[in-house]
Amino acid sequence: MRVLGVDPGLTRCGLGVVESGPGRTVRMVAVGVVRTPVADDPQERLLTLQTEIDAWLAEHRPDAVAVERVFAKANIKGIMGTAQASAVPMLAAARLGLPLALHTPTEVKAAVTGNGRADKAQVTAMITRILGLESAPRPADAADALALAVCHLWRGQSDARLQDAVRGNALQRASEAAGRAGAPRNRLEELHAAHASRGAAGAPRPQIAAVRRSAQ
């Protein structure tokens, strides 16, 4: 099973893809952070985030998406941007018919460290150890995204539910309907098709807005 973890944020949005192995073993597939300029209008920043998340979904084909659950804090202005950013991966998962999970920071910390009140340094240290990485993921948003994915894998999802989600893939159904109607393909389907053709030709996909590291 493969999970895309998303630590939402407008300025920095952490993305991490983790795959499960036998037992509780897990390995990192890719990690990165999407950055959007503070000077850009909110809608432009959200579009940048959407474009990159769609690209990650097309490239890594996760079986589920895990997003950090947003809570209101004293800094209402800051939390608004985080809440807006969290909607992007949620909608992306819905478009593809992928299972979506929202995990609280306490759940994630408890899953990877055994302590629901662990600080960011402890989470980073443990996720580095769990995934057997040579160096700690930086910045903390990247480590948090990986921790979200690991948390979701360890909390468990039934194979039957995932297979049903794959068979009922919303994008496939929409594409088939559009094909019968003679309608043009949507932007996300075009991105998937373009990535597939580039992969077949051996050409690298250009980076959009994130620095990404994939497991060897």
N, C-alpha and C. Protein backbone atom coordinates (compact mmCIF):
# COMPACT_ATOMS: atom_id res chain seq x y z
N MET A 1 0.85 -1.19 0.00
CA MET A 1 0.00 0.00 0.00
C MET A 1 0.88 1.24 0.00
N ARG A 2 0.48 2.23 -0.74
CA ARG A 2 1.25 3.48 -0.87
C ARG A 2 0.38 4.66 -0.47
N VAL A 3 0.93 5.54 0.37
CA VAL A 3 0.17 6.68 0.89
C VAL A 3 0.92 7.98 0.62
N LEU A 4 0.17 9.00 0.19
CA LEU A 4 0.70 10.35 0.07
C LEU A 4 0.30 11.11 1.33
N GLY A 5 1.29 11.55 2.11
CA GLY A 5 1.02 12.37 3.28
C GLY A 5 1.20 13.83 2.93
N VAL A 6 0.30 14.68 3.41
CA VAL A 6 0.35 16.11 3.11
C VAL A 6 0.28 16.91 4.40
N ASP A 7 1.32 17.69 4.67
CA ASP A 7 1.32 18.63 5.79
C ASP A 7 0.98 19.99 5.19
N PRO A 8 -0.29 20.42 5.25
CA PRO A 8 -0.74 21.58 4.48
C PRO A 8 -0.20 22.91 4.97
N GLY A 9 0.00 23.81 4.02
CA GLY A 9 0.44 25.16 4.30
C GLY A 9 0.57 25.92 3.01
N LEU A 10 0.31 27.22 3.04
CA LEU A 10 0.44 28.02 1.82
C LEU A 10 1.88 28.39 1.53
N THR A 11 2.63 28.76 2.54
CA THR A 11 4.02 29.13 2.33
C THR A 11 4.88 27.90 2.08
N ARG A 12 4.68 26.86 2.90
CA ARG A 12 5.37 25.58 2.72
C ARG A 12 4.36 24.46 2.94
N CYS A 13 4.28 23.57 1.98
CA CYS A 13 3.39 22.41 2.08
C CYS A 13 4.24 21.16 1.93
N GLY A 14 4.32 20.37 2.99
CA GLY A 14 5.12 19.15 2.94
C GLY A 14 4.40 18.02 2.24
N LEU A 15 5.12 17.28 1.41
CA LEU A 15 4.58 16.12 0.69
C LEU A 15 5.51 14.94 0.92
N GLY A 16 4.94 13.80 1.25
CA GLY A 16 5.75 12.61 1.45
C GLY A 16 4.99 11.37 1.02
N VAL A 17 5.64 10.51 0.25
CA VAL A 17 5.03 9.27 -0.20
C VAL A 17 5.76 8.11 0.48
N VAL A 18 5.01 7.26 1.15
CA VAL A 18 5.57 6.11 1.87
C VAL A 18 4.83 4.86 1.45
N GLU A 19 5.57 3.76 1.34
CA GLU A 19 5.02 2.48 0.92
C GLU A 19 5.23 1.44 2.01
N SER A 20 4.22 0.62 2.24
CA SER A 20 4.33 -0.40 3.27
C SER A 20 4.93 -1.68 2.71
N GLY A 21 5.60 -2.43 3.60
CA GLY A 21 6.17 -3.71 3.25
C GLY A 21 5.62 -4.78 4.18
N PRO A 22 6.30 -5.93 4.28
CA PRO A 22 5.84 -6.99 5.18
C PRO A 22 5.79 -6.50 6.62
N GLY A 23 4.77 -6.93 7.36
CA GLY A 23 4.65 -6.51 8.74
C GLY A 23 4.44 -5.02 8.85
N ARG A 24 5.25 -4.37 9.69
CA ARG A 24 5.15 -2.92 9.87
C ARG A 24 6.29 -2.18 9.18
N THR A 25 6.97 -2.84 8.26
CA THR A 25 8.06 -2.17 7.56
C THR A 25 7.51 -1.15 6.58
N VAL A 26 8.21 -0.04 6.44
CA VAL A 26 7.81 1.03 5.53
C VAL A 26 9.05 1.59 4.86
N ARG A 27 8.87 2.14 3.67
CA ARG A 27 10.00 2.78 2.99
C ARG A 27 9.53 4.06 2.34
N MET A 28 10.44 5.02 2.28
CA MET A 28 10.12 6.29 1.64
C MET A 28 10.23 6.15 0.13
N VAL A 29 9.25 6.67 -0.57
CA VAL A 29 9.29 6.70 -2.03
C VAL A 29 9.74 8.08 -2.51
N ALA A 30 9.18 9.14 -1.92
CA ALA A 30 9.55 10.50 -2.31
C ALA A 30 9.18 11.46 -1.20
N VAL A 31 9.90 12.58 -1.14
CA VAL A 31 9.59 13.61 -0.17
C VAL A 31 9.94 14.96 -0.76
N GLY A 32 9.20 15.98 -0.39
CA GLY A 32 9.48 17.32 -0.91
C GLY A 32 8.62 18.37 -0.24
N VAL A 33 8.85 19.60 -0.59
CA VAL A 33 8.08 20.71 -0.04
C VAL A 33 7.71 21.65 -1.17
N VAL A 34 6.43 21.98 -1.27
CA VAL A 34 5.96 22.97 -2.23
C VAL A 34 6.01 24.33 -1.56
N ARG A 35 6.65 25.29 -2.19
CA ARG A 35 6.75 26.65 -1.66
C ARG A 35 6.02 27.60 -2.60
N THR A 36 5.23 28.52 -2.03
CA THR A 36 4.56 29.51 -2.85
C THR A 36 4.94 30.90 -2.36
N PRO A 37 5.18 31.86 -3.26
CA PRO A 37 5.58 33.21 -2.86
C PRO A 37 4.51 33.93 -2.06
N VAL A 38 4.92 34.53 -0.96
CA VAL A 38 3.99 35.27 -0.11
C VAL A 38 3.37 36.43 -0.88
N ALA A 39 4.10 36.99 -1.85
CA ALA A 39 3.60 38.15 -2.59
C ALA A 39 2.49 37.78 -3.58
N ASP A 40 2.36 36.51 -3.91
CA ASP A 40 1.31 36.09 -4.85
C ASP A 40 -0.07 36.18 -4.21
N ASP A 41 -1.09 36.37 -5.04
CA ASP A 41 -2.46 36.36 -4.54
C ASP A 41 -2.81 34.96 -4.05
N PRO A 42 -3.72 34.85 -3.07
CA PRO A 42 -4.07 33.53 -2.51
C PRO A 42 -4.49 32.52 -3.56
N GLN A 43 -5.28 32.95 -4.54
CA GLN A 43 -5.75 32.00 -5.55
C GLN A 43 -4.60 31.47 -6.40
N GLU A 44 -3.59 32.31 -6.64
CA GLU A 44 -2.43 31.87 -7.41
C GLU A 44 -1.60 30.88 -6.61
N ARG A 45 -1.49 31.12 -5.31
CA ARG A 45 -0.73 30.21 -4.47
C ARG A 45 -1.43 28.85 -4.38
N LEU A 46 -2.75 28.87 -4.28
CA LEU A 46 -3.51 27.62 -4.24
C LEU A 46 -3.41 26.88 -5.56
N LEU A 47 -3.37 27.60 -6.67
CA LEU A 47 -3.23 26.96 -7.97
C LEU A 47 -1.87 26.28 -8.09
N THR A 48 -0.82 26.95 -7.62
CA THR A 48 0.51 26.34 -7.62
C THR A 48 0.51 25.05 -6.82
N LEU A 49 -0.11 25.11 -5.66
CA LEU A 49 -0.18 23.93 -4.80
C LEU A 49 -0.98 22.82 -5.47
N GLN A 50 -2.09 23.16 -6.08
CA GLN A 50 -2.90 22.16 -6.76
C GLN A 50 -2.13 21.49 -7.90
N THR A 51 -1.43 22.30 -8.68
CA THR A 51 -0.68 21.76 -9.82
C THR A 51 0.37 20.75 -9.37
N GLU A 52 1.08 21.08 -8.30
CA GLU A 52 2.12 20.17 -7.83
C GLU A 52 1.54 18.91 -7.21
N ILE A 53 0.49 19.04 -6.42
CA ILE A 53 -0.12 17.86 -5.81
C ILE A 53 -0.69 16.94 -6.89
N ASP A 54 -1.32 17.51 -7.91
CA ASP A 54 -1.81 16.70 -9.03
C ASP A 54 -0.66 15.95 -9.70
N ALA A 55 0.49 16.62 -9.82
CA ALA A 55 1.65 15.98 -10.44
C ALA A 55 2.16 14.82 -9.59
N TRP A 56 2.19 15.02 -8.29
CA TRP A 56 2.63 13.94 -7.39
C TRP A 56 1.68 12.75 -7.47
N LEU A 57 0.39 13.01 -7.51
CA LEU A 57 -0.59 11.93 -7.62
C LEU A 57 -0.41 11.17 -8.93
N ALA A 58 -0.16 11.90 -10.00
CA ALA A 58 0.02 11.27 -11.30
C ALA A 58 1.30 10.44 -11.34
N GLU A 59 2.35 10.93 -10.70
CA GLU A 59 3.64 10.25 -10.76
C GLU A 59 3.72 9.05 -9.81
N HIS A 60 3.23 9.22 -8.59
CA HIS A 60 3.45 8.19 -7.57
C HIS A 60 2.26 7.26 -7.35
N ARG A 61 1.09 7.60 -7.87
CA ARG A 61 -0.08 6.73 -7.83
C ARG A 61 -0.35 6.14 -6.44
N PRO A 62 -0.57 6.97 -5.43
CA PRO A 62 -0.84 6.43 -4.09
C PRO A 62 -2.19 5.74 -4.02
N ASP A 63 -2.32 4.85 -3.03
CA ASP A 63 -3.59 4.17 -2.80
C ASP A 63 -4.50 4.96 -1.87
N ALA A 64 -3.93 5.93 -1.16
CA ALA A 64 -4.69 6.75 -0.22
C ALA A 64 -3.94 8.05 0.01
N VAL A 65 -4.67 9.04 0.54
CA VAL A 65 -4.09 10.35 0.86
C VAL A 65 -4.37 10.63 2.34
N ALA A 66 -3.33 11.07 3.06
CA ALA A 66 -3.47 11.42 4.47
C ALA A 66 -3.10 12.89 4.65
N VAL A 67 -3.98 13.65 5.27
CA VAL A 67 -3.77 15.09 5.45
C VAL A 67 -3.88 15.42 6.94
N GLU A 68 -3.05 16.35 7.40
CA GLU A 68 -3.14 16.75 8.80
C GLU A 68 -4.44 17.52 9.04
N ARG A 69 -5.15 17.15 10.09
CA ARG A 69 -6.38 17.83 10.44
C ARG A 69 -6.06 19.21 11.03
N VAL A 70 -6.72 20.24 10.52
CA VAL A 70 -6.44 21.61 10.94
C VAL A 70 -7.32 21.99 12.12
N PHE A 71 -6.69 22.57 13.14
CA PHE A 71 -7.42 23.06 14.30
C PHE A 71 -7.26 24.57 14.41
N ALA A 72 -8.29 25.24 14.91
CA ALA A 72 -8.21 26.69 15.12
C ALA A 72 -7.26 26.98 16.27
N LYS A 73 -6.42 27.97 16.06
CA LYS A 73 -5.47 28.38 17.08
C LYS A 73 -5.65 29.88 17.33
N ALA A 74 -4.79 30.42 18.18
CA ALA A 74 -4.89 31.85 18.49
C ALA A 74 -4.63 32.70 17.25
N ASN A 75 -3.72 32.23 16.38
CA ASN A 75 -3.39 32.97 15.17
C ASN A 75 -4.40 32.63 14.07
N ILE A 76 -5.54 33.30 14.09
CA ILE A 76 -6.61 32.99 13.14
C ILE A 76 -6.18 33.26 11.71
N LYS A 77 -5.44 34.35 11.48
CA LYS A 77 -4.99 34.69 10.13
C LYS A 77 -4.10 33.58 9.58
N GLY A 78 -3.21 33.07 10.40
CA GLY A 78 -2.31 32.01 9.94
C GLY A 78 -3.04 30.71 9.67
N ILE A 79 -4.02 30.38 10.51
CA ILE A 79 -4.73 29.12 10.36
C ILE A 79 -5.62 29.14 9.12
N MET A 80 -6.05 30.31 8.67
CA MET A 80 -6.89 30.39 7.49
C MET A 80 -6.15 29.88 6.26
N GLY A 81 -4.89 30.30 6.11
CA GLY A 81 -4.10 29.84 4.97
C GLY A 81 -3.89 28.33 5.01
N THR A 82 -3.64 27.78 6.21
CA THR A 82 -3.45 26.34 6.36
C THR A 82 -4.74 25.60 6.00
N ALA A 83 -5.88 26.13 6.45
CA ALA A 83 -7.16 25.50 6.14
C ALA A 83 -7.43 25.52 4.64
N GLN A 84 -7.13 26.64 3.98
CA GLN A 84 -7.31 26.72 2.54
C GLN A 84 -6.43 25.69 1.83
N ALA A 85 -5.18 25.59 2.27
CA ALA A 85 -4.25 24.66 1.64
C ALA A 85 -4.68 23.21 1.85
N SER A 86 -5.26 22.90 3.00
CA SER A 86 -5.66 21.52 3.28
C SER A 86 -6.78 21.06 2.37
N ALA A 87 -7.57 21.99 1.84
CA ALA A 87 -8.67 21.62 0.95
C ALA A 87 -8.15 21.10 -0.39
N VAL A 88 -6.96 21.52 -0.79
CA VAL A 88 -6.43 21.14 -2.11
C VAL A 88 -6.21 19.63 -2.21
N PRO A 89 -5.45 19.00 -1.30
CA PRO A 89 -5.29 17.54 -1.41
C PRO A 89 -6.58 16.78 -1.16
N MET A 90 -7.47 17.35 -0.35
CA MET A 90 -8.75 16.68 -0.10
C MET A 90 -9.56 16.60 -1.39
N LEU A 91 -9.61 17.70 -2.14
CA LEU A 91 -10.34 17.70 -3.42
C LEU A 91 -9.64 16.81 -4.45
N ALA A 92 -8.30 16.82 -4.44
CA ALA A 92 -7.56 15.99 -5.38
C ALA A 92 -7.87 14.51 -5.15
N ALA A 93 -7.94 14.11 -3.89
CA ALA A 93 -8.27 12.72 -3.57
C ALA A 93 -9.69 12.39 -4.03
N ALA A 94 -10.62 13.32 -3.81
CA ALA A 94 -12.00 13.10 -4.22
C ALA A 94 -12.12 12.94 -5.73
N ARG A 95 -11.37 13.75 -6.49
CA ARG A 95 -11.43 13.65 -7.95
C ARG A 95 -10.98 12.29 -8.44
N LEU A 96 -10.03 11.68 -7.73
CA LEU A 96 -9.50 10.39 -8.14
C LEU A 96 -10.20 9.21 -7.47
N GLY A 97 -11.14 9.49 -6.58
CA GLY A 97 -11.82 8.42 -5.88
C GLY A 97 -10.93 7.71 -4.88
N LEU A 98 -9.90 8.41 -4.36
CA LEU A 98 -8.97 7.80 -3.41
C LEU A 98 -9.47 7.96 -1.98
N PRO A 99 -9.24 6.97 -1.13
CA PRO A 99 -9.57 7.12 0.29
C PRO A 99 -8.78 8.29 0.88
N LEU A 100 -9.46 9.08 1.71
CA LEU A 100 -8.83 10.23 2.35
C LEU A 100 -8.96 10.09 3.85
N ALA A 101 -7.87 10.40 4.56
CA ALA A 101 -7.89 10.36 6.03
C ALA A 101 -7.34 11.67 6.57
N LEU A 102 -7.95 12.17 7.64
CA LEU A 102 -7.47 13.35 8.33
C LEU A 102 -6.96 12.91 9.70
N HIS A 103 -5.68 13.12 9.96
CA HIS A 103 -5.08 12.71 11.23
C HIS A 103 -4.67 13.94 12.03
N THR A 104 -4.96 13.93 13.31
CA THR A 104 -4.56 15.05 14.17
C THR A 104 -3.06 14.98 14.44
N PRO A 105 -2.45 16.11 14.77
CA PRO A 105 -1.03 16.10 15.13
C PRO A 105 -0.74 15.13 16.28
N THR A 106 -1.65 15.04 17.24
CA THR A 106 -1.45 14.14 18.37
C THR A 106 -1.43 12.68 17.92
N GLU A 107 -2.33 12.32 17.00
CA GLU A 107 -2.36 10.96 16.47
C GLU A 107 -1.05 10.62 15.75
N VAL A 108 -0.56 11.56 14.96
CA VAL A 108 0.67 11.32 14.20
C VAL A 108 1.86 11.17 15.15
N LYS A 109 1.96 12.07 16.11
CA LYS A 109 3.08 12.00 17.06
C LYS A 109 3.06 10.69 17.84
N ALA A 110 1.87 10.29 18.28
CA ALA A 110 1.76 9.05 19.04
C ALA A 110 2.13 7.84 18.18
N ALA A 111 1.76 7.87 16.90
CA ALA A 111 2.03 6.74 16.02
C ALA A 111 3.52 6.54 15.78
N VAL A 112 4.25 7.64 15.58
CA VAL A 112 5.66 7.50 15.20
C VAL A 112 6.64 7.61 16.37
N THR A 113 6.20 8.20 17.49
CA THR A 113 7.12 8.35 18.63
C THR A 113 6.62 7.66 19.90
N GLY A 114 5.31 7.34 19.94
CA GLY A 114 4.74 6.77 21.15
C GLY A 114 4.34 7.82 22.16
N ASN A 115 4.52 9.09 21.79
CA ASN A 115 4.20 10.20 22.69
C ASN A 115 3.41 11.25 21.92
N GLY A 116 2.15 11.43 22.28
CA GLY A 116 1.30 12.38 21.58
C GLY A 116 1.69 13.83 21.78
N ARG A 117 2.63 14.09 22.69
CA ARG A 117 3.10 15.45 22.93
C ARG A 117 4.54 15.67 22.47
N ALA A 118 5.04 14.78 21.63
CA ALA A 118 6.41 14.91 21.14
C ALA A 118 6.58 16.20 20.35
N ASP A 119 7.78 16.78 20.38
CA ASP A 119 8.03 18.00 19.62
C ASP A 119 8.49 17.63 18.21
N LYS A 120 8.67 18.67 17.38
CA LYS A 120 9.02 18.44 15.98
C LYS A 120 10.37 17.74 15.83
N ALA A 121 11.32 18.06 16.71
CA ALA A 121 12.63 17.43 16.63
C ALA A 121 12.53 15.92 16.87
N GLN A 122 11.68 15.53 17.82
CA GLN A 122 11.51 14.11 18.11
C GLN A 122 10.83 13.39 16.96
N VAL A 123 9.83 14.04 16.36
CA VAL A 123 9.14 13.44 15.21
C VAL A 123 10.12 13.25 14.06
N THR A 124 10.92 14.26 13.79
CA THR A 124 11.90 14.18 12.70
C THR A 124 12.91 13.07 12.96
N ALA A 125 13.39 12.98 14.18
CA ALA A 125 14.38 11.96 14.52
C ALA A 125 13.80 10.56 14.36
N MET A 126 12.57 10.36 14.81
CA MET A 126 11.96 9.04 14.73
C MET A 126 11.60 8.65 13.31
N ILE A 127 11.11 9.62 12.51
CA ILE A 127 10.75 9.27 11.13
C ILE A 127 12.00 8.95 10.33
N THR A 128 13.11 9.61 10.65
CA THR A 128 14.39 9.29 10.00
C THR A 128 14.81 7.87 10.32
N ARG A 129 14.63 7.49 11.57
CA ARG A 129 14.99 6.13 12.00
C ARG A 129 14.04 5.09 11.43
N ILE A 130 12.75 5.34 11.48
CA ILE A 130 11.75 4.39 10.99
C ILE A 130 11.95 4.08 9.52
N LEU A 131 12.23 5.11 8.73
CA LEU A 131 12.38 4.94 7.28
C LEU A 131 13.80 4.59 6.87
N GLY A 132 14.72 4.55 7.83
CA GLY A 132 16.10 4.19 7.52
C GLY A 132 16.79 5.19 6.61
N LEU A 133 16.53 6.49 6.83
CA LEU A 133 17.10 7.52 5.97
C LEU A 133 18.51 7.87 6.44
N GLU A 134 19.36 8.24 5.49
CA GLU A 134 20.73 8.63 5.83
C GLU A 134 20.77 10.00 6.48
N SER A 135 19.84 10.87 6.14
CA SER A 135 19.79 12.20 6.73
C SER A 135 18.33 12.56 7.02
N ALA A 136 18.15 13.46 7.97
CA ALA A 136 16.80 13.85 8.36
C ALA A 136 16.14 14.69 7.27
N PRO A 137 14.87 14.47 6.99
CA PRO A 137 14.16 15.28 6.00
C PRO A 137 14.06 16.73 6.49
N ARG A 138 14.37 17.67 5.62
CA ARG A 138 14.28 19.09 5.95
C ARG A 138 13.50 19.82 4.88
N PRO A 139 12.72 20.85 5.25
CA PRO A 139 12.45 21.31 6.61
C PRO A 139 11.49 20.38 7.34
N ALA A 140 11.02 20.82 8.53
CA ALA A 140 10.16 19.97 9.35
C ALA A 140 8.87 19.59 8.62
N ASP A 141 8.40 20.43 7.69
CA ASP A 141 7.17 20.13 6.95
C ASP A 141 7.31 18.82 6.18
N ALA A 142 8.51 18.56 5.65
CA ALA A 142 8.74 17.33 4.90
C ALA A 142 8.67 16.13 5.82
N ALA A 143 9.31 16.23 6.99
CA ALA A 143 9.27 15.14 7.97
C ALA A 143 7.85 14.89 8.45
N ASP A 144 7.09 15.96 8.66
CA ASP A 144 5.70 15.82 9.11
C ASP A 144 4.85 15.11 8.06
N ALA A 145 5.09 15.39 6.78
CA ALA A 145 4.33 14.72 5.72
C ALA A 145 4.62 13.22 5.70
N LEU A 146 5.88 12.85 5.87
CA LEU A 146 6.24 11.44 5.94
C LEU A 146 5.61 10.77 7.16
N ALA A 147 5.61 11.50 8.28
CA ALA A 147 5.02 10.97 9.51
C ALA A 147 3.53 10.73 9.33
N LEU A 148 2.86 11.62 8.62
CA LEU A 148 1.43 11.44 8.34
C LEU A 148 1.19 10.16 7.54
N ALA A 149 2.02 9.93 6.54
CA ALA A 149 1.87 8.74 5.70
C ALA A 149 2.11 7.47 6.52
N VAL A 150 3.16 7.49 7.36
CA VAL A 150 3.46 6.33 8.19
C VAL A 150 2.33 6.08 9.19
N CYS A 151 1.83 7.15 9.80
CA CYS A 151 0.71 7.04 10.73
C CYS A 151 -0.48 6.36 10.05
N HIS A 152 -0.78 6.77 8.85
CA HIS A 152 -1.94 6.20 8.15
C HIS A 152 -1.71 4.72 7.83
N LEU A 153 -0.50 4.39 7.40
CA LEU A 153 -0.20 2.99 7.10
C LEU A 153 -0.34 2.11 8.32
N TRP A 154 0.16 2.59 9.43
CA TRP A 154 0.13 1.79 10.65
C TRP A 154 -1.24 1.72 11.30
N ARG A 155 -2.08 2.71 11.03
CA ARG A 155 -3.45 2.66 11.56
C ARG A 155 -4.27 1.63 10.78
N GLY A 156 -3.83 1.39 9.53
CA GLY A 156 -4.42 0.30 8.76
C GLY A 156 -5.67 0.67 7.98
N GLN A 157 -5.75 0.12 6.80
CA GLN A 157 -6.93 0.24 5.93
C GLN A 157 -7.17 -1.13 5.31
N SER A 158 -8.41 -1.53 5.17
CA SER A 158 -8.71 -2.86 4.63
C SER A 158 -8.39 -2.91 3.15
N ASP A 159 -7.82 -4.05 2.73
CA ASP A 159 -7.49 -4.23 1.32
C ASP A 159 -8.74 -4.18 0.45
N ALA A 160 -9.83 -4.69 0.98
CA ALA A 160 -11.05 -4.70 0.17
C ALA A 160 -11.52 -3.29 -0.13
N ARG A 161 -11.45 -2.41 0.88
CA ARG A 161 -11.90 -1.03 0.67
C ARG A 161 -11.04 -0.34 -0.38
N LEU A 162 -9.72 -0.59 -0.32
CA LEU A 162 -8.83 0.04 -1.29
C LEU A 162 -9.09 -0.48 -2.69
N GLN A 163 -9.31 -1.80 -2.81
CA GLN A 163 -9.57 -2.36 -4.12
C GLN A 163 -10.88 -1.80 -4.70
N ASP A 164 -11.87 -1.63 -3.83
CA ASP A 164 -13.13 -1.04 -4.28
C ASP A 164 -12.92 0.38 -4.77
N ALA A 165 -12.04 1.13 -4.04
CA ALA A 165 -11.78 2.51 -4.42
C ALA A 165 -11.08 2.56 -5.77
N VAL A 166 -10.14 1.62 -5.99
CA VAL A 166 -9.42 1.59 -7.27
C VAL A 166 -10.38 1.24 -8.40
N ARG A 167 -11.21 0.23 -8.17
CA ARG A 167 -12.16 -0.17 -9.21
C ARG A 167 -13.16 0.93 -9.51
N GLY A 168 -13.49 1.70 -8.46
CA GLY A 168 -14.48 2.76 -8.65
C GLY A 168 -13.83 4.10 -8.89
N ASN A 169 -12.60 4.10 -9.39
CA ASN A 169 -11.86 5.34 -9.59
C ASN A 169 -12.70 6.40 -10.31
N ALA A 170 -12.90 7.51 -9.62
CA ALA A 170 -13.78 8.55 -10.16
C ALA A 170 -13.25 9.14 -11.45
N LEU A 171 -11.93 9.28 -11.55
CA LEU A 171 -11.34 9.85 -12.75
C LEU A 171 -11.59 8.94 -13.96
N GLN A 172 -11.46 7.63 -13.76
CA GLN A 172 -11.67 6.70 -14.86
C GLN A 172 -13.12 6.76 -15.34
N ARG A 173 -14.04 6.80 -14.39
CA ARG A 173 -15.45 6.87 -14.77
C ARG A 173 -15.75 8.16 -15.54
N ALA A 174 -15.20 9.27 -15.04
CA ALA A 174 -15.45 10.55 -15.70
C ALA A 174 -14.83 10.57 -17.09
N SER A 175 -13.64 9.98 -17.22
CA SER A 175 -12.96 9.96 -18.52
C SER A 175 -13.74 9.13 -19.53
N GLU A 176 -14.25 7.98 -19.07
CA GLU A 176 -15.01 7.13 -19.98
C GLU A 176 -16.28 7.83 -20.44
N ALA A 177 -16.94 8.52 -19.50
CA ALA A 177 -18.16 9.24 -19.85
C ALA A 177 -17.85 10.36 -20.84
N ALA A 178 -16.72 11.06 -20.60
CA ALA A 178 -16.35 12.15 -21.49
C ALA A 178 -16.02 11.62 -22.88
N GLY A 179 -15.38 10.45 -22.92
CA GLY A 179 -15.03 9.86 -24.20
C GLY A 179 -16.27 9.50 -25.01
N ARG A 180 -17.27 8.93 -24.33
CA ARG A 180 -18.51 8.57 -25.03
C ARG A 180 -19.23 9.80 -25.55
N ALA A 181 -19.07 10.92 -24.82
CA ALA A 181 -19.75 12.16 -25.22
C ALA A 181 -18.93 12.97 -26.20
N GLY A 182 -17.69 12.51 -26.46
CA GLY A 182 -16.82 13.25 -27.37
C GLY A 182 -16.26 14.51 -26.76
N ALA A 183 -16.28 14.62 -25.41
CA ALA A 183 -15.77 15.81 -24.74
C ALA A 183 -14.26 15.73 -24.60
N PRO A 184 -13.56 16.87 -24.54
CA PRO A 184 -12.12 16.85 -24.35
C PRO A 184 -11.75 16.35 -22.96
N ARG A 185 -10.55 15.78 -22.82
CA ARG A 185 -10.09 15.30 -21.53
C ARG A 185 -9.85 16.47 -20.58
N ASN A 186 -10.05 16.22 -19.28
CA ASN A 186 -9.80 17.30 -18.33
C ASN A 186 -8.31 17.46 -18.08
N ARG A 187 -7.95 18.53 -17.35
CA ARG A 187 -6.54 18.87 -17.17
C ARG A 187 -5.78 17.78 -16.40
N LEU A 188 -6.41 17.17 -15.41
CA LEU A 188 -5.73 16.17 -14.62
C LEU A 188 -5.46 14.92 -15.45
N GLU A 189 -6.41 14.53 -16.30
CA GLU A 189 -6.18 13.36 -17.14
C GLU A 189 -5.05 13.64 -18.13
N GLU A 190 -5.00 14.85 -18.66
CA GLU A 190 -3.93 15.20 -19.59
C GLU A 190 -2.57 15.11 -18.90
N LEU A 191 -2.51 15.56 -17.64
CA LEU A 191 -1.26 15.51 -16.89
C LEU A 191 -0.83 14.05 -16.70
N HIS A 192 -1.77 13.17 -16.35
CA HIS A 192 -1.45 11.76 -16.17
C HIS A 192 -0.93 11.16 -17.48
N ALA A 193 -1.61 11.46 -18.58
CA ALA A 193 -1.22 10.92 -19.87
C ALA A 193 0.16 11.43 -20.29
N ALA A 194 0.42 12.71 -20.04
CA ALA A 194 1.71 13.29 -20.40
C ALA A 194 2.83 12.65 -19.60
N HIS A 195 2.57 12.42 -18.32
CA HIS A 195 3.60 11.79 -17.49
C HIS A 195 3.89 10.38 -17.97
N ALA A 196 2.84 9.64 -18.33
CA ALA A 196 3.01 8.27 -18.79
C ALA A 196 3.84 8.22 -20.06
N SER A 197 3.58 9.15 -20.99
CA SER A 197 4.32 9.16 -22.24
C SER A 197 5.77 9.55 -22.03
N ARG A 198 6.01 10.48 -21.09
CA ARG A 198 7.40 10.87 -20.80
C ARG A 198 8.14 9.73 -20.15
N GLY A 199 7.44 8.99 -19.27
CA GLY A 199 8.10 7.87 -18.62
C GLY A 199 8.46 6.79 -19.62
N ALA A 200 7.59 6.57 -20.61
CA ALA A 200 7.86 5.56 -21.63
C ALA A 200 9.05 5.97 -22.48
N ALA A 201 9.22 7.26 -22.70
CA ALA A 201 10.34 7.74 -23.52
C ALA A 201 11.61 7.94 -22.71
N GLY A 202 11.52 7.80 -21.38
CA GLY A 202 12.70 7.96 -20.54
C GLY A 202 13.08 9.39 -20.26
N ALA A 203 12.18 10.33 -20.56
CA ALA A 203 12.49 11.74 -20.36
C ALA A 203 12.04 12.17 -18.97
N PRO A 204 12.83 13.00 -18.28
CA PRO A 204 12.44 13.44 -16.93
C PRO A 204 11.30 14.44 -16.97
N ARG A 205 10.47 14.42 -15.92
CA ARG A 205 9.39 15.40 -15.81
C ARG A 205 9.93 16.67 -15.19
N PRO A 206 9.64 17.82 -15.76
CA PRO A 206 10.16 19.05 -15.18
C PRO A 206 9.60 19.31 -13.80
N GLN A 207 10.42 19.90 -12.92
CA GLN A 207 9.97 20.25 -11.58
C GLN A 207 9.09 21.50 -11.66
N ILE A 208 8.08 21.55 -10.79
CA ILE A 208 7.15 22.67 -10.80
C ILE A 208 7.46 23.63 -9.69
N ALA A 209 7.30 23.18 -8.44
CA ALA A 209 7.50 24.12 -7.34
C ALA A 209 8.08 23.47 -6.11
N ALA A 210 8.56 22.24 -6.23
CA ALA A 210 9.04 21.55 -5.05
C ALA A 210 10.40 20.96 -5.31
N VAL A 211 11.19 20.85 -4.26
CA VAL A 211 12.44 20.11 -4.31
C VAL A 211 12.11 18.74 -3.77
N ARG A 212 12.38 17.72 -4.52
CA ARG A 212 11.89 16.40 -4.17
C ARG A 212 13.04 15.41 -4.12
N ARG A 213 12.99 14.50 -3.16
CA ARG A 213 13.99 13.46 -3.05
C ARG A 213 13.30 12.13 -3.08
N SER A 214 13.70 11.23 -3.98
CA SER A 214 13.07 9.93 -4.08
C SER A 214 13.99 8.86 -3.53
N ALA A 215 13.40 7.78 -3.04
CA ALA A 215 14.20 6.68 -2.52
C ALA A 215 14.90 5.99 -3.67
N GLN A 216 16.09 5.56 -3.39
CA GLN A 216 16.86 4.86 -4.42
C GLN A 216 16.50 3.38 -4.42
